[in-house]
Amino acid sequence: MANLVHMRVSTDQQPTDRQNLVLAEAGIEDPVVFEETAGTSSRLPPGAAEVRGLLAYARPGYTVHISGMFRLVRGTGHILDVLDVLHRYQVGLRIHDGAFSVMGLTARHPRTGEPLSTM
């Protein structure tokens, strides 16, 4: 099973330093990193080239790691849409910092209760 890392900044003025720090502290083994160009959208179904690339690379049982929820989604309601797409791909999601980091989103889908991956 592979660990996929998704990173995004909103503007080209922002560095990815904080995301790198959070993800490095998480100790993710052999990550494959997908970094969006500044200012692109992360809407799922895939709207940004790196998200499409990440999903094309992903296989059942893989896990997507993000530093914080808003690096992948636009708002709290959008997280369910993202989970629907990841669930279809049988890919887990691990958020490493912020309020959603303690919710165990990789374990079960919040709408259906089904396992999100075989982790």
PDB file of N, CA and C in Angstrom:
ATOM      1  N   MET A   1       0.839  -1.181   0.000  1.00  0.00           N
ATOM      2  CA  MET A   1       0.000   0.000   0.000  1.00  0.00           C
ATOM      3  C   MET A   1       0.885   1.246   0.000  1.00  0.00           C
ATOM      4  N   ALA A   2       0.505   2.206  -0.790  1.00  0.00           N
ATOM      5  CA  ALA A   2       1.311   3.422  -0.927  1.00  0.00           C
ATOM      6  C   ALA A   2       0.714   4.571  -0.131  1.00  0.00           C
ATOM      7  N   ASN A   3       1.583   5.482   0.213  1.00  0.00           N
ATOM      8  CA  ASN A   3       1.194   6.710   0.889  1.00  0.00           C
ATOM      9  C   ASN A   3       1.322   7.859  -0.096  1.00  0.00           C
ATOM     10  N   LEU A   4       0.193   8.493  -0.409  1.00  0.00           N
ATOM     11  CA  LEU A   4       0.164   9.606  -1.339  1.00  0.00           C
ATOM     12  C   LEU A   4       0.005  10.891  -0.542  1.00  0.00           C
ATOM     13  N   VAL A   5       0.818  11.873  -0.819  1.00  0.00           N
ATOM     14  CA  VAL A   5       0.765  13.151  -0.127  1.00  0.00           C
ATOM     15  C   VAL A   5       0.257  14.198  -1.098  1.00  0.00           C
ATOM     16  N   HIS A   6      -0.774  14.933  -0.688  1.00  0.00           N
ATOM     17  CA  HIS A   6      -1.314  16.026  -1.505  1.00  0.00           C
ATOM     18  C   HIS A   6      -0.994  17.332  -0.807  1.00  0.00           C
ATOM     19  N   MET A   7      -0.365  18.262  -1.577  1.00  0.00           N
ATOM     20  CA  MET A   7      -0.039  19.579  -1.021  1.00  0.00           C
ATOM     21  C   MET A   7      -0.571  20.653  -1.951  1.00  0.00           C
ATOM     22  N   ARG A   8      -1.049  21.761  -1.332  1.00  0.00           N
ATOM     23  CA  ARG A   8      -1.598  22.871  -2.117  1.00  0.00           C
ATOM     24  C   ARG A   8      -1.440  24.161  -1.342  1.00  0.00           C
ATOM     25  N   VAL A   9      -1.131  25.221  -2.060  1.00  0.00           N
ATOM     26  CA  VAL A   9      -1.168  26.569  -1.500  1.00  0.00           C
ATOM     27  C   VAL A   9      -2.138  27.383  -2.339  1.00  0.00           C
ATOM     28  N   SER A  10      -2.697  28.419  -1.748  1.00  0.00           N
ATOM     29  CA  SER A  10      -3.703  29.223  -2.445  1.00  0.00           C
ATOM     30  C   SER A  10      -3.094  30.216  -3.423  1.00  0.00           C
ATOM     31  N   THR A  11      -1.925  30.754  -3.087  1.00  0.00           N
ATOM     32  CA  THR A  11      -1.289  31.743  -3.962  1.00  0.00           C
ATOM     33  C   THR A  11       0.182  31.390  -4.145  1.00  0.00           C
ATOM     34  N   ASP A  12       0.791  31.951  -5.174  1.00  0.00           N
ATOM     35  CA  ASP A  12       2.214  31.696  -5.391  1.00  0.00           C
ATOM     36  C   ASP A  12       3.093  32.446  -4.387  1.00  0.00           C
ATOM     37  N   GLN A  13       2.473  33.230  -3.518  1.00  0.00           N
ATOM     38  CA  GLN A  13       3.192  33.936  -2.455  1.00  0.00           C
ATOM     39  C   GLN A  13       3.359  33.057  -1.215  1.00  0.00           C
ATOM     40  N   GLN A  14       2.623  31.958  -1.142  1.00  0.00           N
ATOM     41  CA  GLN A  14       2.648  31.097   0.039  1.00  0.00           C
ATOM     42  C   GLN A  14       3.626  29.939  -0.152  1.00  0.00           C
ATOM     43  N   PRO A  15       4.426  29.652   0.883  1.00  0.00           N
ATOM     44  CA  PRO A  15       5.305  28.489   0.822  1.00  0.00           C
ATOM     45  C   PRO A  15       4.573  27.236   1.330  1.00  0.00           C
ATOM     46  N   THR A  16       5.135  26.096   1.058  1.00  0.00           N
ATOM     47  CA  THR A  16       4.580  24.839   1.576  1.00  0.00           C
ATOM     48  C   THR A  16       5.310  24.401   2.851  1.00  0.00           C
ATOM     49  N   ASP A  17       6.080  25.309   3.458  1.00  0.00           N
ATOM     50  CA  ASP A  17       6.901  24.961   4.616  1.00  0.00           C
ATOM     51  C   ASP A  17       6.105  24.312   5.743  1.00  0.00           C
ATOM     52  N   ARG A  18       4.967  24.888   6.110  1.00  0.00           N
ATOM     53  CA  ARG A  18       4.166  24.331   7.215  1.00  0.00           C
ATOM     54  C   ARG A  18       3.637  22.944   6.863  1.00  0.00           C
ATOM     55  N   GLN A  19       3.150  22.779   5.641  1.00  0.00           N
ATOM     56  CA  GLN A  19       2.667  21.465   5.224  1.00  0.00           C
ATOM     57  C   GLN A  19       3.806  20.440   5.273  1.00  0.00           C
ATOM     58  N   ASN A  20       4.983  20.834   4.782  1.00  0.00           N
ATOM     59  CA  ASN A  20       6.138  19.931   4.820  1.00  0.00           C
ATOM     60  C   ASN A  20       6.476  19.529   6.247  1.00  0.00           C
ATOM     61  N   LEU A  21       6.423  20.484   7.172  1.00  0.00           N
ATOM     62  CA  LEU A  21       6.738  20.211   8.570  1.00  0.00           C
ATOM     63  C   LEU A  21       5.740  19.230   9.182  1.00  0.00           C
ATOM     64  N   VAL A  22       4.451  19.497   9.005  1.00  0.00           N
ATOM     65  CA  VAL A  22       3.412  18.626   9.565  1.00  0.00           C
ATOM     66  C   VAL A  22       3.544  17.210   9.011  1.00  0.00           C
ATOM     67  N   LEU A  23       3.738  17.106   7.711  1.00  0.00           N
ATOM     68  CA  LEU A  23       3.813  15.789   7.085  1.00  0.00           C
ATOM     69  C   LEU A  23       5.113  15.075   7.439  1.00  0.00           C
ATOM     70  N   ALA A  24       6.213  15.818   7.593  1.00  0.00           N
ATOM     71  CA  ALA A  24       7.468  15.198   8.021  1.00  0.00           C
ATOM     72  C   ALA A  24       7.347  14.654   9.436  1.00  0.00           C
ATOM     73  N   GLU A  25       6.698  15.423  10.317  1.00  0.00           N
ATOM     74  CA  GLU A  25       6.504  14.979  11.700  1.00  0.00           C
ATOM     75  C   GLU A  25       5.603  13.750  11.781  1.00  0.00           C
ATOM     76  N   ALA A  26       4.743  13.557  10.778  1.00  0.00           N
ATOM     77  CA  ALA A  26       3.849  12.402  10.762  1.00  0.00           C
ATOM     78  C   ALA A  26       4.602  11.109  10.472  1.00  0.00           C
ATOM     79  N   GLY A  27       5.807  11.222   9.930  1.00  0.00           N
ATOM     80  CA  GLY A  27       6.606  10.026   9.659  1.00  0.00           C
ATOM     81  C   GLY A  27       6.016   9.132   8.575  1.00  0.00           C
ATOM     82  N   ILE A  28       5.494   9.713   7.523  1.00  0.00           N
ATOM     83  CA  ILE A  28       4.888   8.950   6.428  1.00  0.00           C
ATOM     84  C   ILE A  28       5.985   8.218   5.668  1.00  0.00           C
ATOM     85  N   GLU A  29       5.828   6.918   5.535  1.00  0.00           N
ATOM     86  CA  GLU A  29       6.841   6.103   4.872  1.00  0.00           C
ATOM     87  C   GLU A  29       6.722   6.182   3.354  1.00  0.00           C
ATOM     88  N   ASP A  30       7.833   6.425   2.690  1.00  0.00           N
ATOM     89  CA  ASP A  30       7.933   6.433   1.227  1.00  0.00           C
ATOM     90  C   ASP A  30       6.778   7.169   0.543  1.00  0.00           C
ATOM     91  N   PRO A  31       6.573   8.446   0.867  1.00  0.00           N
ATOM     92  CA  PRO A  31       5.444   9.166   0.266  1.00  0.00           C
ATOM     93  C   PRO A  31       5.668   9.466  -1.221  1.00  0.00           C
ATOM     94  N   VAL A  32       4.581   9.428  -1.971  1.00  0.00           N
ATOM     95  CA  VAL A  32       4.563   9.911  -3.349  1.00  0.00           C
ATOM     96  C   VAL A  32       3.839  11.244  -3.279  1.00  0.00           C
ATOM     97  N   VAL A  33       4.533  12.337  -3.627  1.00  0.00           N
ATOM     98  CA  VAL A  33       4.009  13.682  -3.408  1.00  0.00           C
ATOM     99  C   VAL A  33       3.384  14.244  -4.677  1.00  0.00           C
ATOM    100  N   PHE A  34       2.175  14.773  -4.507  1.00  0.00           N
ATOM    101  CA  PHE A  34       1.451  15.468  -5.566  1.00  0.00           C
ATOM    102  C   PHE A  34       1.224  16.889  -5.069  1.00  0.00           C
ATOM    103  N   GLU A  35       1.854  17.855  -5.731  1.00  0.00           N
ATOM    104  CA  GLU A  35       1.764  19.254  -5.302  1.00  0.00           C
ATOM    105  C   GLU A  35       1.085  20.070  -6.392  1.00  0.00           C
ATOM    106  N   GLU A  36      -0.013  20.726  -6.023  1.00  0.00           N
ATOM    107  CA  GLU A  36      -0.754  21.554  -6.977  1.00  0.00           C
ATOM    108  C   GLU A  36      -0.052  22.875  -7.214  1.00  0.00           C
ATOM    109  N   THR A  37      -0.256  23.407  -8.392  1.00  0.00           N
ATOM    110  CA  THR A  37       0.207  24.748  -8.712  1.00  0.00           C
ATOM    111  C   THR A  37      -0.634  25.742  -7.926  1.00  0.00           C
ATOM    112  N   ALA A  38      -0.009  26.777  -7.427  1.00  0.00           N
ATOM    113  CA  ALA A  38      -0.717  27.783  -6.632  1.00  0.00           C
ATOM    114  C   ALA A  38      -1.919  28.331  -7.379  1.00  0.00           C
ATOM    115  N   GLY A  39      -3.037  28.456  -6.656  1.00  0.00           N
ATOM    116  CA  GLY A  39      -4.239  29.060  -7.213  1.00  0.00           C
ATOM    117  C   GLY A  39      -5.165  28.095  -7.927  1.00  0.00           C
ATOM    118  N   THR A  40      -4.812  26.811  -8.013  1.00  0.00           N
ATOM    119  CA  THR A  40      -5.704  25.866  -8.671  1.00  0.00           C
ATOM    120  C   THR A  40      -6.746  25.367  -7.695  1.00  0.00           C
ATOM    121  N   SER A  41      -7.811  24.815  -8.212  1.00  0.00           N
ATOM    122  CA  SER A  41      -8.899  24.317  -7.390  1.00  0.00           C
ATOM    123  C   SER A  41      -8.702  22.840  -7.092  1.00  0.00           C
ATOM    124  N   SER A  42      -9.109  22.416  -5.896  1.00  0.00           N
ATOM    125  CA  SER A  42      -8.996  21.014  -5.503  1.00  0.00           C
ATOM    126  C   SER A  42     -10.336  20.309  -5.495  1.00  0.00           C
ATOM    127  N   ARG A  43     -11.270  20.806  -6.246  1.00  0.00           N
ATOM    128  CA  ARG A  43     -12.604  20.205  -6.205  1.00  0.00           C
ATOM    129  C   ARG A  43     -12.587  18.771  -6.731  1.00  0.00           C
ATOM    130  N   LEU A  44     -13.338  17.920  -6.050  1.00  0.00           N
ATOM    131  CA  LEU A  44     -13.508  16.529  -6.482  1.00  0.00           C
ATOM    132  C   LEU A  44     -14.981  16.327  -6.783  1.00  0.00           C
ATOM    133  N   PRO A  45     -15.369  15.706  -7.881  1.00  0.00           N
ATOM    134  CA  PRO A  45     -14.526  15.025  -8.833  1.00  0.00           C
ATOM    135  C   PRO A  45     -13.398  15.927  -9.305  1.00  0.00           C
ATOM    136  N   PRO A  46     -12.288  15.309  -9.671  1.00  0.00           N
ATOM    137  CA  PRO A  46     -11.051  16.038  -9.880  1.00  0.00           C
ATOM    138  C   PRO A  46     -11.206  17.250 -10.781  1.00  0.00           C
ATOM    139  N   GLY A  47     -10.689  18.374 -10.313  1.00  0.00           N
ATOM    140  CA  GLY A  47     -10.695  19.584 -11.098  1.00  0.00           C
ATOM    141  C   GLY A  47      -9.295  20.087 -11.346  1.00  0.00           C
ATOM    142  N   ALA A  48      -8.359  19.740 -10.492  1.00  0.00           N
ATOM    143  CA  ALA A  48      -6.981  20.182 -10.631  1.00  0.00           C
ATOM    144  C   ALA A  48      -6.132  19.041 -11.170  1.00  0.00           C
ATOM    145  N   ALA A  49      -5.141  19.398 -11.945  1.00  0.00           N
ATOM    146  CA  ALA A  49      -4.296  18.388 -12.591  1.00  0.00           C
ATOM    147  C   ALA A  49      -3.654  17.448 -11.582  1.00  0.00           C
ATOM    148  N   GLU A  50      -3.159  17.969 -10.464  1.00  0.00           N
ATOM    149  CA  GLU A  50      -2.497  17.098  -9.496  1.00  0.00           C
ATOM    150  C   GLU A  50      -3.477  16.166  -8.791  1.00  0.00           C
ATOM    151  N   VAL A  51      -4.700  16.610  -8.547  1.00  0.00           N
ATOM    152  CA  VAL A  51      -5.691  15.719  -7.931  1.00  0.00           C
ATOM    153  C   VAL A  51      -6.042  14.618  -8.920  1.00  0.00           C
ATOM    154  N   ARG A  52      -6.214  14.972 -10.181  1.00  0.00           N
ATOM    155  CA  ARG A  52      -6.474  13.949 -11.196  1.00  0.00           C
ATOM    156  C   ARG A  52      -5.309  12.972 -11.273  1.00  0.00           C
ATOM    157  N   GLY A  53      -4.094  13.505 -11.235  1.00  0.00           N
ATOM    158  CA  GLY A  53      -2.914  12.644 -11.268  1.00  0.00           C
ATOM    159  C   GLY A  53      -2.831  11.733 -10.059  1.00  0.00           C
ATOM    160  N   LEU A  54      -3.150  12.268  -8.900  1.00  0.00           N
ATOM    161  CA  LEU A  54      -3.147  11.482  -7.680  1.00  0.00           C
ATOM    162  C   LEU A  54      -4.151  10.339  -7.781  1.00  0.00           C
ATOM    163  N   LEU A  55      -5.373  10.642  -8.236  1.00  0.00           N
ATOM    164  CA  LEU A  55      -6.398   9.599  -8.344  1.00  0.00           C
ATOM    165  C   LEU A  55      -6.054   8.577  -9.427  1.00  0.00           C
ATOM    166  N   ALA A  56      -5.409   9.015 -10.498  1.00  0.00           N
ATOM    167  CA  ALA A  56      -4.987   8.066 -11.532  1.00  0.00           C
ATOM    168  C   ALA A  56      -3.908   7.126 -11.001  1.00  0.00           C
ATOM    169  N   TYR A  57      -3.079   7.622 -10.113  1.00  0.00           N
ATOM    170  CA  TYR A  57      -1.996   6.835  -9.526  1.00  0.00           C
ATOM    171  C   TYR A  57      -2.507   5.908  -8.422  1.00  0.00           C
ATOM    172  N   ALA A  58      -3.543   6.325  -7.720  1.00  0.00           N
ATOM    173  CA  ALA A  58      -4.040   5.607  -6.542  1.00  0.00           C
ATOM    174  C   ALA A  58      -4.594   4.232  -6.895  1.00  0.00           C
ATOM    175  N   ARG A  59      -4.431   3.322  -5.972  1.00  0.00           N
ATOM    176  CA  ARG A  59      -4.982   1.973  -6.070  1.00  0.00           C
ATOM    177  C   ARG A  59      -5.719   1.669  -4.767  1.00  0.00           C
ATOM    178  N   PRO A  60      -6.650   0.706  -4.800  1.00  0.00           N
ATOM    179  CA  PRO A  60      -7.348   0.351  -3.567  1.00  0.00           C
ATOM    180  C   PRO A  60      -6.357   0.041  -2.435  1.00  0.00           C
ATOM    181  N   GLY A  61      -6.654   0.612  -1.276  1.00  0.00           N
ATOM    182  CA  GLY A  61      -5.813   0.405  -0.107  1.00  0.00           C
ATOM    183  C   GLY A  61      -4.779   1.494   0.117  1.00  0.00           C
ATOM    184  N   TYR A  62      -4.563   2.363  -0.869  1.00  0.00           N
ATOM    185  CA  TYR A  62      -3.639   3.480  -0.702  1.00  0.00           C
ATOM    186  C   TYR A  62      -4.257   4.483   0.265  1.00  0.00           C
ATOM    187  N   THR A  63      -3.422   5.357   0.793  1.00  0.00           N
ATOM    188  CA  THR A  63      -3.880   6.405   1.694  1.00  0.00           C
ATOM    189  C   THR A  63      -3.385   7.761   1.198  1.00  0.00           C
ATOM    190  N   VAL A  64      -4.296   8.732   1.152  1.00  0.00           N
ATOM    191  CA  VAL A  64      -3.941  10.110   0.830  1.00  0.00           C
ATOM    192  C   VAL A  64      -3.697  10.828   2.156  1.00  0.00           C
ATOM    193  N   HIS A  65      -2.538  11.466   2.265  1.00  0.00           N
ATOM    194  CA  HIS A  65      -2.177  12.226   3.458  1.00  0.00           C
ATOM    195  C   HIS A  65      -2.188  13.707   3.112  1.00  0.00           C
ATOM    196  N   ILE A  66      -2.813  14.502   3.969  1.00  0.00           N
ATOM    197  CA  ILE A  66      -2.786  15.954   3.818  1.00  0.00           C
ATOM    198  C   ILE A  66      -2.453  16.557   5.177  1.00  0.00           C
ATOM    199  N   SER A  67      -1.847  17.733   5.153  1.00  0.00           N
ATOM    200  CA  SER A  67      -1.465  18.361   6.425  1.00  0.00           C
ATOM    201  C   SER A  67      -2.697  18.843   7.183  1.00  0.00           C
ATOM    202  N   GLY A  68      -3.639  19.459   6.482  1.00  0.00           N
ATOM    203  CA  GLY A  68      -4.862  19.959   7.091  1.00  0.00           C
ATOM    204  C   GLY A  68      -6.005  19.880   6.099  1.00  0.00           C
ATOM    205  N   MET A  69      -7.219  19.850   6.602  1.00  0.00           N
ATOM    206  CA  MET A  69      -8.389  19.638   5.747  1.00  0.00           C
ATOM    207  C   MET A  69      -8.459  20.616   4.581  1.00  0.00           C
ATOM    208  N   PHE A  70      -8.149  21.894   4.801  1.00  0.00           N
ATOM    209  CA  PHE A  70      -8.343  22.889   3.749  1.00  0.00           C
ATOM    210  C   PHE A  70      -7.241  22.877   2.702  1.00  0.00           C
ATOM    211  N   ARG A  71      -6.317  21.953   2.794  1.00  0.00           N
ATOM    212  CA  ARG A  71      -5.338  21.766   1.726  1.00  0.00           C
ATOM    213  C   ARG A  71      -5.940  20.932   0.607  1.00  0.00           C
ATOM    214  N   LEU A  72      -7.057  20.253   0.872  1.00  0.00           N
ATOM    215  CA  LEU A  72      -7.699  19.418  -0.142  1.00  0.00           C
ATOM    216  C   LEU A  72      -9.125  19.854  -0.444  1.00  0.00           C
ATOM    217  N   VAL A  73      -9.826  20.383   0.539  1.00  0.00           N
ATOM    218  CA  VAL A  73     -11.234  20.724   0.348  1.00  0.00           C
ATOM    219  C   VAL A  73     -11.452  22.215   0.537  1.00  0.00           C
ATOM    220  N   ARG A  74     -12.608  22.690   0.066  1.00  0.00           N
ATOM    221  CA  ARG A  74     -12.940  24.111   0.145  1.00  0.00           C
ATOM    222  C   ARG A  74     -13.741  24.486   1.386  1.00  0.00           C
ATOM    223  N   GLY A  75     -14.369  23.529   2.029  1.00  0.00           N
ATOM    224  CA  GLY A  75     -15.176  23.812   3.209  1.00  0.00           C
ATOM    225  C   GLY A  75     -15.593  22.523   3.876  1.00  0.00           C
ATOM    226  N   THR A  76     -16.204  22.637   5.036  1.00  0.00           N
ATOM    227  CA  THR A  76     -16.569  21.440   5.791  1.00  0.00           C
ATOM    228  C   THR A  76     -17.573  20.568   5.044  1.00  0.00           C
ATOM    229  N   GLY A  77     -18.497  21.162   4.281  1.00  0.00           N
ATOM    230  CA  GLY A  77     -19.447  20.371   3.508  1.00  0.00           C
ATOM    231  C   GLY A  77     -18.788  19.621   2.361  1.00  0.00           C
ATOM    232  N   HIS A  78     -17.719  20.175   1.837  1.00  0.00           N
ATOM    233  CA  HIS A  78     -17.003  19.574   0.715  1.00  0.00           C
ATOM    234  C   HIS A  78     -16.283  18.289   1.103  1.00  0.00           C
ATOM    235  N   ILE A  79     -15.972  18.126   2.402  1.00  0.00           N
ATOM    236  CA  ILE A  79     -15.263  16.924   2.852  1.00  0.00           C
ATOM    237  C   ILE A  79     -16.054  15.658   2.530  1.00  0.00           C
ATOM    238  N   LEU A  80     -17.387  15.717   2.617  1.00  0.00           N
ATOM    239  CA  LEU A  80     -18.191  14.527   2.293  1.00  0.00           C
ATOM    240  C   LEU A  80     -18.105  14.187   0.813  1.00  0.00           C
ATOM    241  N   ASP A  81     -18.052  15.209  -0.051  1.00  0.00           N
ATOM    242  CA  ASP A  81     -17.877  14.954  -1.485  1.00  0.00           C
ATOM    243  C   ASP A  81     -16.525  14.296  -1.752  1.00  0.00           C
ATOM    244  N   VAL A  82     -15.497  14.790  -1.097  1.00  0.00           N
ATOM    245  CA  VAL A  82     -14.159  14.224  -1.249  1.00  0.00           C
ATOM    246  C   VAL A  82     -14.151  12.775  -0.782  1.00  0.00           C
ATOM    247  N   LEU A  83     -14.757  12.514   0.375  1.00  0.00           N
ATOM    248  CA  LEU A  83     -14.807  11.145   0.889  1.00  0.00           C
ATOM    249  C   LEU A  83     -15.575  10.217  -0.043  1.00  0.00           C
ATOM    250  N   ASP A  84     -16.631  10.724  -0.681  1.00  0.00           N
ATOM    251  CA  ASP A  84     -17.364   9.904  -1.662  1.00  0.00           C
ATOM    252  C   ASP A  84     -16.451   9.459  -2.795  1.00  0.00           C
ATOM    253  N   VAL A  85     -15.663  10.396  -3.330  1.00  0.00           N
ATOM    254  CA  VAL A  85     -14.753  10.065  -4.435  1.00  0.00           C
ATOM    255  C   VAL A  85     -13.677   9.097  -3.965  1.00  0.00           C
ATOM    256  N   LEU A  86     -13.049   9.369  -2.826  1.00  0.00           N
ATOM    257  CA  LEU A  86     -12.013   8.479  -2.321  1.00  0.00           C
ATOM    258  C   LEU A  86     -12.565   7.094  -2.019  1.00  0.00           C
ATOM    259  N   HIS A  87     -13.796   7.053  -1.531  1.00  0.00           N
ATOM    260  CA  HIS A  87     -14.430   5.774  -1.239  1.00  0.00           C
ATOM    261  C   HIS A  87     -14.619   4.956  -2.521  1.00  0.00           C
ATOM    262  N   ARG A  88     -15.037   5.612  -3.597  1.00  0.00           N
ATOM    263  CA  ARG A  88     -15.174   4.916  -4.886  1.00  0.00           C
ATOM    264  C   ARG A  88     -13.855   4.314  -5.337  1.00  0.00           C
ATOM    265  N   TYR A  89     -12.767   5.004  -5.064  1.00  0.00           N
ATOM    266  CA  TYR A  89     -11.432   4.522  -5.426  1.00  0.00           C
ATOM    267  C   TYR A  89     -10.866   3.566  -4.373  1.00  0.00           C
ATOM    268  N   GLN A  90     -11.572   3.378  -3.269  1.00  0.00           N
ATOM    269  CA  GLN A  90     -11.141   2.567  -2.131  1.00  0.00           C
ATOM    270  C   GLN A  90      -9.814   3.076  -1.569  1.00  0.00           C
ATOM    271  N   VAL A  91      -9.735   4.401  -1.455  1.00  0.00           N
ATOM    272  CA  VAL A  91      -8.543   5.079  -0.960  1.00  0.00           C
ATOM    273  C   VAL A  91      -8.890   5.757   0.357  1.00  0.00           C
ATOM    274  N   GLY A  92      -8.021   5.598   1.344  1.00  0.00           N
ATOM    275  CA  GLY A  92      -8.226   6.223   2.642  1.00  0.00           C
ATOM    276  C   GLY A  92      -7.714   7.652   2.654  1.00  0.00           C
ATOM    277  N   LEU A  93      -8.117   8.411   3.658  1.00  0.00           N
ATOM    278  CA  LEU A  93      -7.692   9.797   3.829  1.00  0.00           C
ATOM    279  C   LEU A  93      -7.206   9.984   5.252  1.00  0.00           C
ATOM    280  N   ARG A  94      -6.035  10.589   5.390  1.00  0.00           N
ATOM    281  CA  ARG A  94      -5.488  10.890   6.716  1.00  0.00           C
ATOM    282  C   ARG A  94      -5.155  12.368   6.763  1.00  0.00           C
ATOM    283  N   ILE A  95      -5.823  13.098   7.663  1.00  0.00           N
ATOM    284  CA  ILE A  95      -5.577  14.519   7.869  1.00  0.00           C
ATOM    285  C   ILE A  95      -4.719  14.626   9.125  1.00  0.00           C
ATOM    286  N   HIS A  96      -3.550  15.247   9.012  1.00  0.00           N
ATOM    287  CA  HIS A  96      -2.574  15.208  10.094  1.00  0.00           C
ATOM    288  C   HIS A  96      -2.601  16.374  11.056  1.00  0.00           C
ATOM    289  N   ASP A  97      -3.332  17.439  10.751  1.00  0.00           N
ATOM    290  CA  ASP A  97      -3.349  18.587  11.648  1.00  0.00           C
ATOM    291  C   ASP A  97      -4.717  19.250  11.609  1.00  0.00           C
ATOM    292  N   GLY A  98      -5.124  19.851  12.706  1.00  0.00           N
ATOM    293  CA  GLY A  98      -6.401  20.552  12.765  1.00  0.00           C
ATOM    294  C   GLY A  98      -7.511  19.678  13.326  1.00  0.00           C
ATOM    295  N   ALA A  99      -8.708  20.247  13.364  1.00  0.00           N
ATOM    296  CA  ALA A  99      -9.858  19.594  13.996  1.00  0.00           C
ATOM    297  C   ALA A  99     -10.185  18.232  13.397  1.00  0.00           C
ATOM    298  N   PHE A 100     -10.077  18.083  12.106  1.00  0.00           N
ATOM    299  CA  PHE A 100     -10.452  16.823  11.478  1.00  0.00           C
ATOM    300  C   PHE A 100      -9.402  15.735  11.654  1.00  0.00           C
ATOM    301  N   SER A 101      -8.242  16.079  12.184  1.00  0.00           N
ATOM    302  CA  SER A 101      -7.184  15.083  12.348  1.00  0.00           C
ATOM    303  C   SER A 101      -7.529  14.036  13.402  1.00  0.00           C
ATOM    304  N   VAL A 102      -8.460  14.320  14.278  1.00  0.00           N
ATOM    305  CA  VAL A 102      -8.810  13.377  15.338  1.00  0.00           C
ATOM    306  C   VAL A 102     -10.077  12.576  15.026  1.00  0.00           C
ATOM    307  N   MET A 103     -10.641  12.760  13.835  1.00  0.00           N
ATOM    308  CA  MET A 103     -11.940  12.157  13.553  1.00  0.00           C
ATOM    309  C   MET A 103     -11.881  10.762  12.935  1.00  0.00           C
ATOM    310  N   GLY A 104     -10.712  10.249  12.603  1.00  0.00           N
ATOM    311  CA  GLY A 104     -10.630   8.905  12.054  1.00  0.00           C
ATOM    312  C   GLY A 104     -11.346   8.756  10.729  1.00  0.00           C
ATOM    313  N   LEU A 105     -11.131   9.683   9.815  1.00  0.00           N
ATOM    314  CA  LEU A 105     -11.817   9.633   8.524  1.00  0.00           C
ATOM    315  C   LEU A 105     -11.353   8.487   7.643  1.00  0.00           C
ATOM    316  N   THR A 106     -10.230   7.870   7.961  1.00  0.00           N
ATOM    317  CA  THR A 106      -9.757   6.764   7.145  1.00  0.00           C
ATOM    318  C   THR A 106     -10.486   5.464   7.456  1.00  0.00           C
ATOM    319  N   ALA A 107     -11.138   5.389   8.570  1.00  0.00           N
ATOM    320  CA  ALA A 107     -11.732   4.130   9.002  1.00  0.00           C
ATOM    321  C   ALA A 107     -13.052   3.808   8.302  1.00  0.00           C
ATOM    322  N   ARG A 108     -14.028   4.685   8.393  1.00  0.00           N
ATOM    323  CA  ARG A 108     -15.348   4.410   7.835  1.00  0.00           C
ATOM    324  C   ARG A 108     -15.911   5.650   7.160  1.00  0.00           C
ATOM    325  N   HIS A 109     -16.675   5.423   6.129  1.00  0.00           N
ATOM    326  CA  HIS A 109     -17.315   6.521   5.414  1.00  0.00           C
ATOM    327  C   HIS A 109     -18.393   7.115   6.308  1.00  0.00           C
ATOM    328  N   PRO A 110     -18.440   8.447   6.467  1.00  0.00           N
ATOM    329  CA  PRO A 110     -19.411   9.037   7.392  1.00  0.00           C
ATOM    330  C   PRO A 110     -20.868   8.896   6.952  1.00  0.00           C
ATOM    331  N   ARG A 111     -21.133   8.690   5.675  1.00  0.00           N
ATOM    332  CA  ARG A 111     -22.520   8.533   5.203  1.00  0.00           C
ATOM    333  C   ARG A 111     -22.978   7.082   5.241  1.00  0.00           C
ATOM    334  N   THR A 112     -22.090   6.155   4.839  1.00  0.00           N
ATOM    335  CA  THR A 112     -22.514   4.769   4.689  1.00  0.00           C
ATOM    336  C   THR A 112     -22.033   3.855   5.809  1.00  0.00           C
ATOM    337  N   GLY A 113     -20.970   4.265   6.512  1.00  0.00           N
ATOM    338  CA  GLY A 113     -20.409   3.420   7.551  1.00  0.00           C
ATOM    339  C   GLY A 113     -19.497   2.329   7.009  1.00  0.00           C
ATOM    340  N   GLU A 114     -19.324   2.270   5.685  1.00  0.00           N
ATOM    341  CA  GLU A 114     -18.459   1.243   5.085  1.00  0.00           C
ATOM    342  C   GLU A 114     -16.992   1.608   5.279  1.00  0.00           C
ATOM    343  N   PRO A 115     -16.119   0.597   5.353  1.00  0.00           N
ATOM    344  CA  PRO A 115     -14.683   0.875   5.453  1.00  0.00           C
ATOM    345  C   PRO A 115     -14.215   1.647   4.220  1.00  0.00           C
ATOM    346  N   LEU A 116     -13.338   2.641   4.432  1.00  0.00           N
ATOM    347  CA  LEU A 116     -12.826   3.435   3.326  1.00  0.00           C
ATOM    348  C   LEU A 116     -11.659   2.768   2.617  1.00  0.00           C
ATOM    349  N   SER A 117     -10.925   1.917   3.301  1.00  0.00           N
ATOM    350  CA  SER A 117      -9.808   1.230   2.675  1.00  0.00           C
ATOM    351  C   SER A 117      -9.487  -0.010   3.475  1.00  0.00           C
ATOM    352  N   THR A 118      -8.494  -0.725   3.020  1.00  0.00           N
ATOM    353  CA  THR A 118      -8.113  -1.955   3.697  1.00  0.00           C
ATOM    354  C   THR A 118      -6.923  -1.745   4.621  1.00  0.00           C
ATOM    355  N   MET A 119      -6.705  -0.518   5.086  1.00  0.00           N
ATOM    356  CA  MET A 119      -5.556  -0.200   5.928  1.00  0.00           C
ATOM    357  C   MET A 119      -5.591  -0.981   7.217  1.00  0.00           C
TER     358      MET A 119
END
